[in-house]
Amino acid sequence: MPSILPVSDLRNYNEVLKNCQSGEPVFLTKNGRGRFVVIDIEDYEREQAEKKLLRKLQDAEKAVKDGDNWLTLDELKKALEE
């Protein structure tokens, strides 16, 4: 079950951080509505790496569809010889 706390609980941030374990974000509410998320730094870095990989995959997929940056067989052979 997700950990949902009011943002006012940040006054005692040690308790909030205890609830923030790897893979388990803590959701903070303000005036009863979701406002912030506290996550473990490893989870954050993993999510950023996944986003970067997905962007590169989307770029590659677009390049394949558009036919950009494709080499003919002769061009490839010549490039490999250099």
Protein backbone atom coordinates (compact mmCIF):
# COMPACT_ATOMS: atom_id res chain seq x y z
CA MET A 1 0.00 0.00 0.00
CA PRO A 2 1.47 3.40 -0.90
CA SER A 3 2.62 5.75 1.84
CA ILE A 4 0.56 8.95 1.70
CA LEU A 5 1.29 11.72 4.17
CA PRO A 6 0.38 15.39 4.52
CA VAL A 7 3.20 17.76 3.56
CA SER A 8 3.07 19.15 7.09
CA ASP A 9 4.69 15.88 8.22
CA LEU A 10 7.94 17.20 6.71
CA ARG A 11 8.43 19.07 9.97
CA ASN A 12 9.56 15.67 11.22
CA TYR A 13 11.32 14.68 8.00
CA ASN A 14 13.12 11.73 9.61
CA GLU A 15 9.79 9.94 9.92
CA VAL A 16 8.98 10.69 6.29
CA LEU A 17 12.37 9.36 5.19
CA LYS A 18 11.84 6.16 7.18
CA ASN A 19 8.77 5.54 5.02
CA CYS A 20 10.77 6.12 1.83
CA GLN A 21 12.36 2.79 1.00
CA SER A 22 13.76 1.57 -2.30
CA GLY A 23 10.86 0.97 -4.67
CA GLU A 24 8.38 2.60 -2.31
CA PRO A 25 7.79 6.31 -2.89
CA VAL A 26 6.16 8.55 -0.30
CA PHE A 27 3.35 10.72 -1.64
CA LEU A 28 2.86 14.07 0.06
CA THR A 29 -0.44 15.89 -0.02
CA LYS A 30 -1.22 19.57 0.36
CA ASN A 31 -4.78 20.59 1.19
CA GLY A 32 -5.85 16.99 0.68
CA ARG A 33 -4.50 16.70 -2.88
CA GLY A 34 -1.38 14.97 -4.16
CA ARG A 35 1.44 17.50 -4.51
CA PHE A 36 4.90 15.91 -4.11
CA VAL A 37 6.65 12.55 -4.23
CA VAL A 38 9.75 11.59 -2.27
CA ILE A 39 11.71 8.69 -3.76
CA ASP A 40 14.98 6.92 -3.07
CA ILE A 41 17.90 8.35 -5.12
CA GLU A 42 18.59 4.96 -6.73
CA ASP A 43 15.00 4.77 -7.93
CA TYR A 44 15.26 8.32 -9.29
CA GLU A 45 18.48 7.57 -11.16
CA ARG A 46 17.03 4.34 -12.58
CA GLU A 47 13.94 6.19 -13.82
CA GLN A 48 16.09 8.89 -15.43
CA ALA A 49 18.20 6.23 -17.20
CA GLU A 50 15.03 4.50 -18.43
CA LYS A 51 13.68 7.78 -19.80
CA LYS A 52 16.97 8.47 -21.59
CA LEU A 53 16.96 4.99 -23.12
CA LEU A 54 13.35 5.34 -24.25
CA ARG A 55 14.14 8.70 -25.92
CA LYS A 56 17.06 7.12 -27.77
CA LEU A 57 14.89 4.21 -28.87
CA GLN A 58 12.22 6.62 -30.12
CA ASP A 59 14.86 8.57 -32.05
CA ALA A 60 16.17 5.35 -33.59
CA GLU A 61 12.68 4.21 -34.50
CA LYS A 62 11.97 7.57 -36.17
CA ALA A 63 15.27 7.39 -38.08
CA VAL A 64 14.34 3.94 -39.38
CA LYS A 65 10.91 5.15 -40.50
CA ASP A 66 12.32 8.29 -42.14
CA GLY A 67 15.25 6.48 -43.70
CA ASP A 68 17.67 9.05 -42.25
CA ASN A 69 21.37 8.25 -41.93
CA TRP A 70 21.19 5.00 -43.87
CA LEU A 71 24.25 3.94 -45.83
CA THR A 72 24.37 1.93 -49.00
CA LEU A 73 26.41 -1.26 -48.88
CA ASP A 74 29.21 0.40 -50.85
CA GLU A 75 29.24 3.40 -48.48
CA LEU A 76 29.41 1.07 -45.47
CA LYS A 77 32.29 -0.92 -46.94
CA LYS A 78 34.17 2.26 -47.70
CA ALA A 79 33.57 3.63 -44.19
CA LEU A 80 34.82 0.38 -42.64
CA GLU A 81 38.00 0.43 -44.72
CA GLU A 82 38.99 3.87 -43.42
